[in-house]
């Protein structure tokens, strides 16, 4: 079984919710340079971060349950 950064592939597969370690193996064959180029093309979104505040009607519904 392959080990990535000290963690065996079966553990990684379980963590990712894959049906088997074999389903996770495709990620081992991905070229690191290709991954780096893809990540470099992805720009962070300009969406502001704020905490979601549900409307009072939704809160009232939850409280009534």
Protein backbone atom coordinates (compact mmCIF):
# COMPACT_ATOMS: atom_id res chain seq x y z
CA UNK A 1 0.00 0.00 0.00
CA UNK A 2 1.34 3.42 -0.92
CA UNK A 3 2.15 5.98 1.76
CA UNK A 4 1.79 9.74 1.26
CA UNK A 5 3.36 12.07 3.83
CA UNK A 6 3.38 9.25 6.36
CA UNK A 7 -0.30 8.30 5.85
CA UNK A 8 -1.22 5.10 4.06
CA UNK A 9 -3.41 5.33 0.98
CA UNK A 10 -6.30 3.41 2.56
CA UNK A 11 -6.59 6.02 5.31
CA UNK A 12 -6.59 8.84 2.75
CA UNK A 13 -9.25 7.02 0.72
CA UNK A 14 -11.46 6.66 3.80
CA UNK A 15 -10.96 10.32 4.73
CA UNK A 16 -11.97 11.44 1.22
CA UNK A 17 -14.97 9.12 1.21
CA UNK A 18 -13.73 7.02 -1.68
CA UNK A 19 -15.19 3.55 -2.09
CA UNK A 20 -11.74 2.00 -2.20
CA UNK A 21 -8.05 2.85 -2.11
CA UNK A 22 -7.95 2.02 -5.83
CA UNK A 23 -10.23 5.00 -6.49
CA UNK A 24 -7.67 7.22 -4.74
CA UNK A 25 -4.70 5.91 -6.75
CA UNK A 26 -5.56 8.08 -9.76
CA UNK A 27 -4.46 11.11 -7.75
CA UNK A 28 -1.03 9.56 -7.24
CA UNK A 29 -0.41 9.52 -10.97
CA UNK A 30 -1.30 13.19 -11.47
CA UNK A 31 1.72 15.23 -12.51
CA UNK A 32 2.79 17.68 -9.80
CA UNK A 33 3.81 20.31 -12.37
CA UNK A 34 0.37 20.07 -13.97
CA UNK A 35 -1.27 20.54 -10.57
CA UNK A 36 0.90 23.59 -9.86
CA UNK A 37 0.01 25.17 -13.23
CA UNK A 38 -3.70 24.56 -12.62
CA UNK A 39 -3.54 26.08 -9.14
CA UNK A 40 -1.63 29.12 -10.46
CA UNK A 41 -4.49 29.83 -12.88
CA UNK A 42 -7.11 29.86 -10.15
CA UNK A 43 -7.57 33.31 -8.68
CA UNK A 44 -9.11 33.78 -5.26
CA UNK A 45 -12.63 35.14 -5.36
CA UNK A 46 -13.33 38.70 -4.38
CA UNK A 47 -16.28 37.69 -2.27
CA UNK A 48 -16.14 39.18 1.19
CA UNK A 49 -16.26 36.92 4.18
CA UNK A 50 -18.97 37.38 6.74
CA UNK A 51 -20.94 35.22 9.08
CA UNK A 52 -24.32 34.02 7.83
CA UNK A 53 -27.23 35.49 9.77
CA UNK A 54 -30.49 33.62 9.18
CA UNK A 55 -33.62 35.74 8.92
CA UNK A 56 -35.90 35.99 11.96
CA UNK A 57 -38.56 33.88 10.22
CA UNK A 58 -36.13 31.01 9.83
CA UNK A 59 -35.02 31.29 13.45
CA UNK A 60 -38.65 31.26 14.54
CA UNK A 61 -39.25 28.11 12.50
CA UNK A 62 -36.27 26.35 14.10
CA UNK A 63 -37.41 27.36 17.57
CA UNK A 64 -40.90 26.01 16.92
CA UNK A 65 -39.63 22.54 16.05
